[in-house]
N, C-alpha and C. Protein backbone atom coordinates (compact mmCIF):
# COMPACT_ATOMS: atom_id res chain seq x y z
N MET A 1 -149.78 31.93 99.72
CA MET A 1 -149.31 32.57 98.52
C MET A 1 -148.64 31.56 97.59
N LEU A 2 -147.85 30.68 98.15
CA LEU A 2 -147.18 29.66 97.36
C LEU A 2 -148.19 28.78 96.66
N ARG A 3 -149.26 28.41 97.40
CA ARG A 3 -150.30 27.57 96.82
C ARG A 3 -150.96 28.28 95.66
N LYS A 4 -151.23 29.57 95.75
CA LYS A 4 -151.88 30.33 94.70
C LYS A 4 -150.97 30.39 93.46
N THR A 5 -149.67 30.56 93.63
CA THR A 5 -148.74 30.62 92.53
C THR A 5 -148.67 29.29 91.81
N LEU A 6 -148.61 28.20 92.56
CA LEU A 6 -148.58 26.87 91.95
C LEU A 6 -149.87 26.59 91.19
N THR A 7 -150.97 26.96 91.74
CA THR A 7 -152.25 26.74 91.08
C THR A 7 -152.31 27.53 89.79
N SER A 8 -151.83 28.76 89.79
CA SER A 8 -151.83 29.59 88.59
C SER A 8 -150.93 28.97 87.53
N ALA A 9 -149.79 28.42 87.95
CA ALA A 9 -148.87 27.80 87.00
C ALA A 9 -149.49 26.56 86.39
N VAL A 10 -150.15 25.74 87.20
CA VAL A 10 -150.80 24.53 86.70
C VAL A 10 -151.90 24.91 85.73
N LEU A 11 -152.68 25.90 86.04
CA LEU A 11 -153.75 26.35 85.14
C LEU A 11 -153.16 26.87 83.83
N ALA A 12 -152.07 27.61 83.90
CA ALA A 12 -151.47 28.16 82.69
C ALA A 12 -150.97 27.04 81.78
N VAL A 13 -150.35 26.01 82.37
CA VAL A 13 -149.89 24.87 81.59
C VAL A 13 -151.09 24.14 81.00
N GLY A 14 -152.13 23.97 81.75
CA GLY A 14 -153.33 23.30 81.27
C GLY A 14 -153.95 24.04 80.11
N VAL A 15 -154.02 25.37 80.18
CA VAL A 15 -154.59 26.18 79.11
C VAL A 15 -153.71 26.07 77.86
N LEU A 16 -152.40 26.12 78.05
CA LEU A 16 -151.49 26.00 76.91
C LEU A 16 -151.66 24.63 76.25
N THR A 17 -151.77 23.59 77.05
CA THR A 17 -151.94 22.24 76.52
C THR A 17 -153.27 22.14 75.78
N LEU A 18 -154.32 22.69 76.35
CA LEU A 18 -155.62 22.66 75.68
C LEU A 18 -155.58 23.47 74.39
N GLY A 19 -154.90 24.60 74.40
CA GLY A 19 -154.81 25.45 73.22
C GLY A 19 -154.10 24.74 72.08
N VAL A 20 -153.02 24.03 72.37
CA VAL A 20 -152.28 23.30 71.34
C VAL A 20 -153.14 22.16 70.82
N ALA A 21 -153.82 21.45 71.72
CA ALA A 21 -154.67 20.33 71.30
C ALA A 21 -155.81 20.83 70.43
N ALA A 22 -156.29 22.03 70.68
CA ALA A 22 -157.41 22.56 69.91
C ALA A 22 -156.95 23.22 68.62
N GLY A 23 -155.66 23.26 68.35
CA GLY A 23 -155.17 23.82 67.10
C GLY A 23 -154.81 25.27 67.18
N CYS A 24 -154.74 25.88 68.34
CA CYS A 24 -154.37 27.28 68.47
C CYS A 24 -152.88 27.43 68.21
N GLN A 25 -152.51 28.62 67.73
CA GLN A 25 -151.10 28.89 67.49
C GLN A 25 -150.38 29.01 68.82
N SER A 26 -149.21 28.44 68.87
CA SER A 26 -148.37 28.56 70.06
C SER A 26 -146.93 28.45 69.60
N ALA A 27 -146.07 28.35 70.54
CA ALA A 27 -144.66 28.21 70.21
C ALA A 27 -144.45 26.96 69.37
N ALA A 28 -143.44 26.99 68.50
CA ALA A 28 -143.15 25.85 67.64
C ALA A 28 -142.82 24.62 68.47
N PRO A 29 -143.31 23.46 68.05
CA PRO A 29 -143.01 22.25 68.81
C PRO A 29 -141.51 21.94 68.73
N ALA A 30 -141.04 21.24 69.71
CA ALA A 30 -139.62 20.87 69.73
C ALA A 30 -139.35 19.90 68.58
N ALA A 31 -138.18 20.05 67.97
CA ALA A 31 -137.80 19.17 66.87
C ALA A 31 -137.57 17.76 67.38
N ALA A 32 -137.94 16.78 66.55
CA ALA A 32 -137.72 15.38 66.93
C ALA A 32 -136.22 15.12 66.98
N PRO A 33 -135.78 14.26 67.87
CA PRO A 33 -134.34 13.98 67.94
C PRO A 33 -133.87 13.33 66.64
N ALA A 34 -132.67 13.64 66.25
CA ALA A 34 -132.08 13.07 65.03
C ALA A 34 -131.88 11.57 65.22
N PRO A 35 -132.11 10.79 64.15
CA PRO A 35 -131.89 9.34 64.29
C PRO A 35 -130.41 9.06 64.55
N ALA A 36 -130.19 7.97 65.26
CA ALA A 36 -128.81 7.58 65.58
C ALA A 36 -128.06 7.26 64.29
N ALA A 37 -126.80 7.65 64.23
CA ALA A 37 -125.98 7.37 63.05
C ALA A 37 -125.78 5.87 62.89
N GLN A 38 -125.93 5.40 61.65
CA GLN A 38 -125.76 3.98 61.35
C GLN A 38 -124.29 3.71 61.05
N PRO A 39 -123.76 2.60 61.53
CA PRO A 39 -122.35 2.30 61.20
C PRO A 39 -122.21 2.02 59.72
N ALA A 40 -121.07 2.36 59.16
CA ALA A 40 -120.80 2.10 57.74
C ALA A 40 -120.78 0.60 57.50
N PRO A 41 -121.32 0.15 56.35
CA PRO A 41 -121.29 -1.29 56.07
C PRO A 41 -119.85 -1.77 55.93
N ALA A 42 -119.63 -2.98 56.34
CA ALA A 42 -118.29 -3.57 56.24
C ALA A 42 -117.94 -3.78 54.77
N ALA A 43 -116.70 -3.52 54.41
CA ALA A 43 -116.25 -3.73 53.04
C ALA A 43 -116.21 -5.23 52.75
N THR A 44 -116.73 -5.61 51.59
CA THR A 44 -116.72 -7.01 51.20
C THR A 44 -116.08 -7.15 49.84
N ALA A 45 -115.51 -8.30 49.59
CA ALA A 45 -114.91 -8.58 48.29
C ALA A 45 -116.03 -8.67 47.25
N PRO A 46 -115.77 -8.24 46.03
CA PRO A 46 -116.79 -8.36 44.99
C PRO A 46 -117.14 -9.82 44.73
N VAL A 47 -118.38 -10.05 44.38
CA VAL A 47 -118.82 -11.41 44.07
C VAL A 47 -118.50 -11.69 42.61
N SER A 48 -117.77 -12.75 42.37
CA SER A 48 -117.36 -13.09 41.01
C SER A 48 -118.39 -14.02 40.37
N ILE A 49 -118.48 -13.95 39.05
CA ILE A 49 -119.34 -14.89 38.32
C ILE A 49 -118.60 -16.20 38.09
N TYR A 50 -117.30 -16.21 38.37
CA TYR A 50 -116.48 -17.42 38.17
C TYR A 50 -116.38 -18.20 39.47
N LYS A 51 -116.41 -19.51 39.36
CA LYS A 51 -116.39 -20.40 40.52
C LYS A 51 -115.05 -21.10 40.66
N ALA A 52 -114.69 -21.41 41.88
CA ALA A 52 -113.43 -22.11 42.15
C ALA A 52 -113.36 -23.38 41.31
N GLY A 53 -112.20 -23.60 40.70
CA GLY A 53 -111.98 -24.78 39.87
C GLY A 53 -112.29 -24.58 38.39
N GLU A 54 -112.92 -23.45 38.04
CA GLU A 54 -113.30 -23.20 36.65
C GLU A 54 -112.07 -22.83 35.81
N SER A 55 -111.98 -23.40 34.62
CA SER A 55 -110.90 -23.10 33.69
C SER A 55 -111.20 -21.78 32.98
N VAL A 56 -110.22 -20.86 32.99
CA VAL A 56 -110.44 -19.53 32.42
C VAL A 56 -109.24 -19.08 31.60
N LEU A 57 -109.47 -18.04 30.82
CA LEU A 57 -108.41 -17.23 30.24
C LEU A 57 -108.42 -15.94 31.05
N ALA A 58 -107.25 -15.43 31.38
CA ALA A 58 -107.19 -14.18 32.16
C ALA A 58 -105.98 -13.37 31.72
N ILE A 59 -106.12 -12.07 31.88
CA ILE A 59 -105.01 -11.18 31.57
C ILE A 59 -104.06 -11.19 32.76
N TRP A 60 -102.78 -11.41 32.47
CA TRP A 60 -101.80 -11.47 33.55
C TRP A 60 -101.08 -10.15 33.70
N SER A 61 -100.13 -9.83 32.86
CA SER A 61 -99.37 -8.61 33.06
C SER A 61 -99.59 -7.57 31.97
N SER A 62 -99.88 -8.01 30.77
CA SER A 62 -100.10 -7.04 29.69
C SER A 62 -101.59 -6.74 29.60
N ALA A 63 -101.91 -5.76 28.82
CA ALA A 63 -103.32 -5.39 28.67
C ALA A 63 -104.04 -6.20 27.60
N THR A 64 -103.29 -6.98 26.80
CA THR A 64 -103.94 -7.67 25.69
C THR A 64 -103.67 -9.17 25.62
N THR A 65 -102.76 -9.69 26.42
CA THR A 65 -102.44 -11.12 26.35
C THR A 65 -103.23 -11.89 27.40
N TRP A 66 -103.89 -12.93 26.94
CA TRP A 66 -104.70 -13.79 27.80
C TRP A 66 -103.97 -15.11 27.99
N TYR A 67 -103.97 -15.62 29.23
CA TYR A 67 -103.31 -16.88 29.54
C TYR A 67 -104.29 -17.82 30.21
N GLU A 68 -104.04 -19.12 30.07
CA GLU A 68 -104.92 -20.11 30.69
C GLU A 68 -104.63 -20.23 32.18
N GLY A 69 -105.69 -20.43 32.93
CA GLY A 69 -105.55 -20.59 34.37
C GLY A 69 -106.79 -21.23 34.96
N THR A 70 -106.78 -21.36 36.29
CA THR A 70 -107.89 -21.95 37.02
C THR A 70 -108.27 -21.01 38.15
N VAL A 71 -109.57 -20.80 38.35
CA VAL A 71 -110.08 -19.92 39.40
C VAL A 71 -109.89 -20.59 40.75
N GLY A 72 -109.42 -19.78 41.72
CA GLY A 72 -109.26 -20.24 43.10
C GLY A 72 -110.21 -19.47 44.01
N ALA A 73 -109.74 -19.14 45.18
CA ALA A 73 -110.54 -18.44 46.20
C ALA A 73 -110.78 -16.99 45.79
N SER A 74 -111.74 -16.36 46.48
CA SER A 74 -111.97 -14.93 46.23
C SER A 74 -110.84 -14.13 46.88
N CYS A 75 -110.65 -12.92 46.38
CA CYS A 75 -109.62 -12.01 46.89
C CYS A 75 -110.21 -10.60 46.89
N PRO A 76 -109.51 -9.61 47.40
CA PRO A 76 -110.10 -8.27 47.55
C PRO A 76 -110.68 -7.65 46.28
N THR A 77 -110.13 -7.96 45.10
CA THR A 77 -110.65 -7.33 43.87
C THR A 77 -111.26 -8.33 42.90
N GLY A 78 -111.44 -9.56 43.28
CA GLY A 78 -112.02 -10.56 42.37
C GLY A 78 -111.75 -11.96 42.83
N VAL A 79 -111.02 -12.73 41.99
CA VAL A 79 -110.67 -14.11 42.34
C VAL A 79 -109.20 -14.36 42.04
N LEU A 80 -108.62 -15.29 42.77
CA LEU A 80 -107.25 -15.70 42.49
C LEU A 80 -107.25 -16.60 41.26
N VAL A 81 -106.34 -16.35 40.35
CA VAL A 81 -106.17 -17.20 39.18
C VAL A 81 -104.83 -17.90 39.33
N THR A 82 -104.87 -19.22 39.32
CA THR A 82 -103.65 -20.03 39.32
C THR A 82 -103.31 -20.30 37.87
N TRP A 83 -102.13 -19.87 37.45
CA TRP A 83 -101.75 -19.92 36.05
C TRP A 83 -101.28 -21.31 35.64
N SER A 84 -101.69 -21.73 34.45
CA SER A 84 -101.34 -23.06 33.93
C SER A 84 -99.84 -23.24 33.74
N ASP A 85 -99.11 -22.14 33.54
CA ASP A 85 -97.65 -22.26 33.33
C ASP A 85 -96.87 -22.33 34.65
N GLY A 86 -97.57 -22.32 35.78
CA GLY A 86 -96.91 -22.43 37.07
C GLY A 86 -96.54 -21.11 37.71
N SER A 87 -96.83 -19.98 37.06
CA SER A 87 -96.56 -18.67 37.67
C SER A 87 -97.39 -18.50 38.93
N ALA A 88 -96.93 -17.64 39.82
CA ALA A 88 -97.63 -17.38 41.09
C ALA A 88 -99.04 -16.87 40.82
N PRO A 89 -100.04 -17.33 41.59
CA PRO A 89 -101.42 -16.86 41.41
C PRO A 89 -101.51 -15.34 41.59
N THR A 90 -102.45 -14.74 40.87
CA THR A 90 -102.71 -13.31 41.01
C THR A 90 -104.20 -13.08 41.19
N CYS A 91 -104.53 -11.95 41.80
CA CYS A 91 -105.93 -11.56 42.02
C CYS A 91 -106.40 -10.79 40.78
N ASN A 92 -107.46 -11.28 40.15
CA ASN A 92 -107.97 -10.65 38.93
C ASN A 92 -109.45 -10.30 39.08
N PRO A 93 -109.86 -9.12 38.61
CA PRO A 93 -111.29 -8.79 38.57
C PRO A 93 -111.95 -9.55 37.42
N ASP A 94 -113.26 -9.72 37.49
CA ASP A 94 -114.00 -10.41 36.42
C ASP A 94 -113.77 -9.79 35.05
N SER A 95 -113.52 -8.48 35.00
CA SER A 95 -113.34 -7.80 33.70
C SER A 95 -112.08 -8.27 32.98
N LYS A 96 -111.18 -8.95 33.69
CA LYS A 96 -109.95 -9.45 33.07
C LYS A 96 -109.92 -10.97 33.03
N ILE A 97 -111.12 -11.57 33.04
CA ILE A 97 -111.25 -13.03 33.00
C ILE A 97 -112.31 -13.39 31.97
N ALA A 98 -112.10 -14.51 31.28
CA ALA A 98 -113.08 -15.03 30.31
C ALA A 98 -113.11 -16.55 30.44
N PRO A 99 -114.26 -17.18 30.17
CA PRO A 99 -114.30 -18.65 30.20
C PRO A 99 -113.32 -19.23 29.19
N ASN A 100 -112.66 -20.30 29.56
CA ASN A 100 -111.72 -20.98 28.66
C ASN A 100 -112.48 -22.13 28.00
N LYS A 101 -113.19 -21.79 26.93
CA LYS A 101 -114.02 -22.78 26.24
C LYS A 101 -113.56 -22.92 24.80
N PRO A 102 -113.47 -24.16 24.32
CA PRO A 102 -113.08 -24.34 22.92
C PRO A 102 -114.16 -23.80 21.99
N VAL A 103 -113.75 -23.44 20.80
CA VAL A 103 -114.70 -23.00 19.78
C VAL A 103 -115.29 -24.26 19.14
N ALA A 104 -116.60 -24.32 19.07
CA ALA A 104 -117.26 -25.44 18.39
C ALA A 104 -116.99 -25.30 16.89
N LYS A 105 -116.77 -26.42 16.22
CA LYS A 105 -116.47 -26.40 14.78
C LYS A 105 -117.55 -25.63 14.01
N ALA A 106 -118.80 -25.82 14.39
CA ALA A 106 -119.90 -25.13 13.70
C ALA A 106 -119.83 -23.61 13.88
N ASP A 107 -119.19 -23.14 14.94
CA ASP A 107 -119.08 -21.70 15.20
C ASP A 107 -117.80 -21.10 14.65
N ALA A 108 -116.88 -21.92 14.19
CA ALA A 108 -115.59 -21.45 13.68
C ALA A 108 -115.71 -21.08 12.22
N LYS A 109 -116.32 -19.93 11.97
CA LYS A 109 -116.52 -19.47 10.59
C LYS A 109 -116.01 -18.06 10.43
N VAL A 110 -115.88 -17.64 9.22
CA VAL A 110 -115.38 -16.29 8.93
C VAL A 110 -116.25 -15.26 9.65
N GLY A 111 -115.57 -14.34 10.32
CA GLY A 111 -116.26 -13.28 11.06
C GLY A 111 -116.42 -13.58 12.54
N ALA A 112 -116.19 -14.83 12.96
CA ALA A 112 -116.35 -15.19 14.37
C ALA A 112 -115.25 -14.53 15.21
N LYS A 113 -115.63 -13.97 16.35
CA LYS A 113 -114.69 -13.38 17.30
C LYS A 113 -114.22 -14.50 18.23
N VAL A 114 -112.90 -14.59 18.40
CA VAL A 114 -112.30 -15.67 19.20
C VAL A 114 -111.10 -15.14 19.98
N TYR A 115 -110.57 -15.99 20.84
CA TYR A 115 -109.23 -15.79 21.41
C TYR A 115 -108.37 -16.79 20.64
N ALA A 116 -107.31 -16.30 20.01
CA ALA A 116 -106.45 -17.16 19.19
C ALA A 116 -105.06 -17.22 19.81
N GLN A 117 -104.53 -18.43 19.85
CA GLN A 117 -103.19 -18.62 20.40
C GLN A 117 -102.16 -17.98 19.48
N TRP A 118 -101.25 -17.22 20.05
CA TRP A 118 -100.19 -16.60 19.27
C TRP A 118 -98.97 -17.50 19.31
N SER A 119 -98.44 -17.69 20.51
CA SER A 119 -97.31 -18.60 20.69
C SER A 119 -97.30 -19.02 22.16
N GLY A 120 -96.70 -20.14 22.43
CA GLY A 120 -96.66 -20.61 23.82
C GLY A 120 -98.05 -20.70 24.41
N THR A 121 -98.23 -20.04 25.55
CA THR A 121 -99.52 -20.10 26.23
C THR A 121 -100.32 -18.81 26.11
N GLY A 122 -99.85 -17.86 25.28
CA GLY A 122 -100.54 -16.58 25.13
C GLY A 122 -101.62 -16.60 24.06
N PHE A 123 -102.76 -16.01 24.38
CA PHE A 123 -103.89 -15.86 23.46
C PHE A 123 -104.19 -14.38 23.31
N TYR A 124 -104.67 -14.01 22.13
CA TYR A 124 -105.08 -12.63 21.87
C TYR A 124 -106.47 -12.64 21.23
N GLU A 125 -107.19 -11.53 21.43
CA GLU A 125 -108.49 -11.40 20.78
C GLU A 125 -108.27 -11.31 19.27
N ALA A 126 -109.12 -12.03 18.52
CA ALA A 126 -108.95 -12.10 17.07
C ALA A 126 -110.29 -12.35 16.39
N GLU A 127 -110.25 -12.29 15.06
CA GLU A 127 -111.42 -12.61 14.23
C GLU A 127 -110.98 -13.60 13.16
N ILE A 128 -111.79 -14.62 12.96
CA ILE A 128 -111.48 -15.60 11.90
C ILE A 128 -111.73 -14.93 10.55
N THR A 129 -110.71 -14.95 9.70
CA THR A 129 -110.84 -14.31 8.38
C THR A 129 -110.88 -15.31 7.23
N LYS A 130 -110.47 -16.57 7.50
CA LYS A 130 -110.47 -17.57 6.43
C LYS A 130 -110.53 -18.96 7.07
N VAL A 131 -111.30 -19.84 6.44
CA VAL A 131 -111.37 -21.24 6.86
C VAL A 131 -110.98 -22.08 5.65
N SER A 132 -110.00 -22.95 5.85
CA SER A 132 -109.53 -23.82 4.78
C SER A 132 -109.42 -25.23 5.35
N GLY A 133 -110.49 -26.01 5.17
CA GLY A 133 -110.53 -27.35 5.76
C GLY A 133 -110.54 -27.25 7.27
N ASP A 134 -109.52 -27.82 7.92
CA ASP A 134 -109.41 -27.76 9.38
C ASP A 134 -108.41 -26.71 9.85
N MET A 135 -108.05 -25.79 8.97
CA MET A 135 -107.10 -24.74 9.31
C MET A 135 -107.80 -23.37 9.25
N TYR A 136 -107.35 -22.48 10.13
CA TYR A 136 -108.01 -21.18 10.28
C TYR A 136 -106.98 -20.06 10.19
N THR A 137 -107.39 -18.97 9.55
CA THR A 137 -106.59 -17.75 9.52
C THR A 137 -107.32 -16.73 10.37
N VAL A 138 -106.57 -16.03 11.22
CA VAL A 138 -107.18 -15.01 12.08
C VAL A 138 -106.46 -13.69 11.92
N LYS A 139 -107.18 -12.62 12.25
CA LYS A 139 -106.58 -11.29 12.32
C LYS A 139 -106.72 -10.84 13.76
N TYR A 140 -105.59 -10.55 14.39
CA TYR A 140 -105.58 -10.13 15.79
C TYR A 140 -106.08 -8.69 15.89
N THR A 141 -106.98 -8.44 16.84
CA THR A 141 -107.59 -7.11 16.94
C THR A 141 -106.65 -6.07 17.52
N SER A 142 -105.64 -6.48 18.28
CA SER A 142 -104.76 -5.49 18.93
C SER A 142 -103.84 -4.79 17.93
N ASP A 143 -103.43 -5.48 16.87
CA ASP A 143 -102.49 -4.86 15.93
C ASP A 143 -102.73 -5.23 14.47
N SER A 144 -103.82 -5.89 14.17
CA SER A 144 -104.21 -6.29 12.81
C SER A 144 -103.26 -7.29 12.17
N THR A 145 -102.38 -7.90 12.95
CA THR A 145 -101.51 -8.95 12.43
C THR A 145 -102.37 -10.16 12.08
N THR A 146 -102.03 -10.84 10.98
CA THR A 146 -102.75 -12.07 10.63
C THR A 146 -101.85 -13.28 10.89
N LYS A 147 -102.50 -14.37 11.19
CA LYS A 147 -101.77 -15.62 11.39
C LYS A 147 -102.62 -16.72 10.78
N ASP A 148 -101.97 -17.57 9.97
CA ASP A 148 -102.72 -18.66 9.34
C ASP A 148 -102.24 -20.00 9.88
N SER A 149 -102.90 -21.03 9.41
CA SER A 149 -102.59 -22.42 9.79
C SER A 149 -102.81 -22.71 11.27
N LEU A 150 -103.81 -22.06 11.86
CA LEU A 150 -104.17 -22.39 13.24
C LEU A 150 -105.15 -23.54 13.23
N LYS A 151 -105.02 -24.43 14.20
CA LYS A 151 -105.97 -25.53 14.36
C LYS A 151 -107.10 -25.09 15.28
N LEU A 152 -108.19 -25.80 15.22
CA LEU A 152 -109.34 -25.47 16.07
C LEU A 152 -108.95 -25.49 17.55
N THR A 153 -108.02 -26.38 17.92
CA THR A 153 -107.57 -26.46 19.33
C THR A 153 -106.81 -25.22 19.78
N GLN A 154 -106.42 -24.36 18.84
CA GLN A 154 -105.70 -23.13 19.18
C GLN A 154 -106.63 -21.91 19.27
N LEU A 155 -107.93 -22.18 19.19
CA LEU A 155 -108.93 -21.12 19.28
C LEU A 155 -109.80 -21.32 20.51
N ARG A 156 -110.23 -20.23 21.14
CA ARG A 156 -111.15 -20.29 22.28
C ARG A 156 -112.34 -19.39 21.98
N ALA A 157 -113.49 -19.80 22.47
CA ALA A 157 -114.73 -19.03 22.26
C ALA A 157 -114.65 -17.68 22.98
N LYS A 158 -115.20 -16.68 22.34
CA LYS A 158 -115.25 -15.33 22.93
C LYS A 158 -116.67 -15.00 23.29
């Protein structure tokens, strides 16, 4: 009797297998196992367009004053800027850094957008409004203040 039951079971499985292979309707196939969860990617510091040793203008504490500095190592939000005035380095994102490049005389014309020195080591975004020989008048974009008698060495390319 046991042999007959086993034989019937084997035949039933064989028929079911043949029926599925032939395209007959049967019970829904078992769902494929879910793929293994992937570990979260490790957090990395953003890649800066500025390289170590590069001379830059960067915003230090205010939202509009730019100061001269030098790019150092990368940091969690950008790059370390070592300030020319000796202040402690700070981590700055690229959005608060600009190349520290002099304005070429040929580019220093009315309407040119520049960073213009205000006093000491601070620079502000400005527009050249007048050229008189080797002297320049600018209008600062943050408050529309004008300043005249600036030398080309007091302007940086924007």
